[in-house]
Every structure is written in structure tokens, then in C-alpha cells.
């Protein structure tokens, strides 16, 4: 679906003119992502902000094309989660700090900065 996602960045009409079915691509991506995320959350629990922070951080390194961002985001998310887990385990014994709290401490400031930068540009959704 990577090439279809690249085409969709140009708009639905342009993607259709390039030979991609925008609706099919959207449903394919949603249909693949939803079970994967559901399974991951069922196994690991809610680990917020990883899916928000990692792609935005890596976008500067790999470019704006979703097809180039998919694999690095997958690996970067795994790395961030592993490092956060190691950080939680390295803390001295005491009140247990959850992995979701650590990722939220990393992700919340990043998310707020992203929202403020977008608002400063005057971009609306």
C-alpha cells in the first residue's frame, strides 16, 4: 500500500488519475492497521504517543513520502518502546512506573509542540 499512500498525499483525484483506487487503498491500510494495533495493545497495554512521536521525528531523516517512512517508523517505534522499557526497569525499586507513563512524558510535550506549530501556521483540519 506504500505507493498508494504516496499517491494519496497528492489528493484523491490525483491518486485516481495515477491508477490507484483511493477508497481501496484507504480500506486496505485501515483494515491492516486496526488488527495490528489491536493485537499490540492487547499484548502490551496502552503505550501512548509512540505512533505519533516516531514518524514525525523520522520524517526529517527519510523525507515526506509515506512509503519511505513505513519501515523506519516500525523499527523506530520498537526502539523507542524498548528504550523506554529499559529505562523503567533501570529505576530503583519503589513505586512502579508504567511504560505508558514514560512514553507519555516523552510524547506529550512533543504533541503540544506539534499542535502549537500547526496553529501558528494557521493550518486547520
Protein backbone atom coordinates (compact mmCIF):
# COMPACT_ATOMS: atom_id res chain seq x y z
CA UNK A 1 0.00 0.00 0.00
CA UNK A 2 3.07 2.27 0.19
CA UNK A 3 2.81 3.53 -3.38
CA UNK A 4 -0.91 4.14 -2.96
CA UNK A 5 -0.20 6.18 0.17
CA UNK A 6 2.37 8.21 -1.76
CA UNK A 7 -0.24 8.90 -4.42
CA UNK A 8 -2.83 9.86 -1.80
CA UNK A 9 -0.52 12.58 -0.47
CA UNK A 10 -1.24 14.36 -3.76
CA UNK A 11 -5.01 14.14 -3.23
CA UNK A 12 -7.70 11.60 -4.03
CA UNK A 13 -8.37 12.85 -7.56
CA UNK A 14 -4.68 12.81 -8.46
CA UNK A 15 -4.26 9.35 -6.95
CA UNK A 16 -7.17 8.09 -9.02
CA UNK A 17 -5.71 9.63 -12.17
CA UNK A 18 -2.44 7.81 -11.44
CA UNK A 19 -4.28 4.49 -11.44
CA UNK A 20 -4.81 3.98 -7.72
CA UNK A 21 -8.20 3.36 -6.14
CA UNK A 22 -8.19 5.80 -3.20
CA UNK A 23 -11.06 4.12 -1.36
CA UNK A 24 -9.48 0.68 -1.77
CA UNK A 25 -6.10 1.95 -0.52
CA UNK A 26 -7.69 3.62 2.49
CA UNK A 27 -9.65 0.50 3.43
CA UNK A 28 -6.60 -1.70 2.89
CA UNK A 29 -4.49 0.45 5.21
CA UNK A 30 -7.23 0.73 7.85
CA UNK A 31 -8.01 -2.99 7.58
CA UNK A 32 -4.37 -3.88 8.12
CA UNK A 33 -3.58 -1.29 10.77
CA UNK A 34 -6.59 -1.83 13.04
CA UNK A 35 -5.95 -5.53 13.80
CA UNK A 36 -2.21 -4.93 14.17
CA UNK A 37 -2.74 -2.09 16.64
CA UNK A 38 -5.47 -4.01 18.46
CA UNK A 39 -3.20 -7.03 18.84
CA UNK A 40 -0.29 -4.91 20.02
CA UNK A 41 -2.43 -3.13 22.60
CA UNK A 42 -3.89 -6.44 23.78
CA UNK A 43 -0.40 -7.83 24.37
CA UNK A 44 1.48 -4.78 25.67
CA UNK A 45 -1.19 -2.47 27.04
CA UNK A 46 -1.67 1.13 26.06
CA UNK A 47 1.66 2.75 25.23
CA UNK A 48 0.64 6.19 24.11
CA UNK A 49 2.36 8.58 21.76
CA UNK A 50 4.78 6.10 20.15
CA UNK A 51 2.82 6.17 16.90
CA UNK A 52 2.75 9.96 16.99
CA UNK A 53 6.28 10.80 18.01
CA UNK A 54 8.36 8.34 15.99
CA UNK A 55 7.05 9.07 12.47
CA UNK A 56 7.35 12.82 13.00
CA UNK A 57 10.88 12.50 14.31
CA UNK A 58 11.92 10.26 11.43
CA UNK A 59 10.21 12.33 8.73
CA UNK A 60 13.15 14.75 8.69
CA UNK A 61 15.61 11.89 8.14
CA UNK A 62 13.75 9.90 5.46
CA UNK A 63 11.60 12.52 3.74
CA UNK A 64 7.90 13.17 3.31
CA UNK A 65 6.96 10.06 1.32
CA UNK A 66 4.91 7.60 3.39
CA UNK A 67 6.47 4.68 1.53
CA UNK A 68 9.90 5.64 2.83
CA UNK A 69 8.58 6.26 6.33
CA UNK A 70 6.82 2.94 6.95
CA UNK A 71 9.75 0.64 7.79
CA UNK A 72 11.81 3.25 9.70
CA UNK A 73 8.71 4.12 11.78
CA UNK A 74 8.14 0.46 12.57
CA UNK A 75 11.74 -0.02 13.68
CA UNK A 76 11.89 3.37 15.44
CA UNK A 77 8.71 2.62 17.40
CA UNK A 78 10.16 -0.70 18.50
CA UNK A 79 13.39 1.02 19.52
CA UNK A 80 11.62 3.78 21.46
CA UNK A 81 9.44 1.26 23.27
CA UNK A 82 12.45 -0.92 24.11
CA UNK A 83 14.47 2.05 25.39
CA UNK A 84 11.54 3.30 27.48
CA UNK A 85 11.08 -0.20 28.92
CA UNK A 86 14.79 -0.43 29.75
CA UNK A 87 14.55 2.98 31.42
CA UNK A 88 11.61 1.84 33.55
CA UNK A 89 13.43 -1.34 34.56
CA UNK A 90 16.65 0.54 35.41
CA UNK A 91 14.92 2.70 38.02
CA UNK A 92 15.50 1.78 41.66
CA UNK A 93 12.82 -0.32 43.38
CA UNK A 94 9.89 1.61 44.71
CA UNK A 95 6.59 2.70 43.26
CA UNK A 96 6.34 1.07 39.87
CA UNK A 97 6.49 3.49 36.94
CA UNK A 98 4.49 2.22 34.00
CA UNK A 99 5.81 2.17 30.45
CA UNK A 100 2.83 4.21 29.26
CA UNK A 101 3.74 6.98 31.71
CA UNK A 102 7.29 7.17 30.33
CA UNK A 103 6.11 7.32 26.72
CA UNK A 104 3.54 9.96 27.70
CA UNK A 105 6.30 12.04 29.33
CA UNK A 106 8.17 11.89 26.03
CA UNK A 107 5.17 12.26 23.76
CA UNK A 108 3.00 14.88 25.45
CA UNK A 109 5.49 17.77 25.09
CA UNK A 110 6.19 16.70 21.51
CA UNK A 111 2.46 16.60 20.74
CA UNK A 112 1.86 20.03 22.29
CA UNK A 113 4.76 21.50 20.32
CA UNK A 114 3.36 19.97 17.12
CA UNK A 115 -0.10 21.39 17.81
CA UNK A 116 1.27 24.84 18.64
CA UNK A 117 3.44 24.90 15.50
CA UNK A 118 0.48 23.86 13.35
CA UNK A 119 -1.75 26.50 14.96
CA UNK A 120 0.91 29.16 14.43
CA UNK A 121 0.90 28.38 10.71
CA UNK A 122 -2.85 28.81 10.64
CA UNK A 123 -3.46 25.30 9.34
CA UNK A 124 -6.90 23.94 10.11
CA UNK A 125 -8.08 20.34 9.82
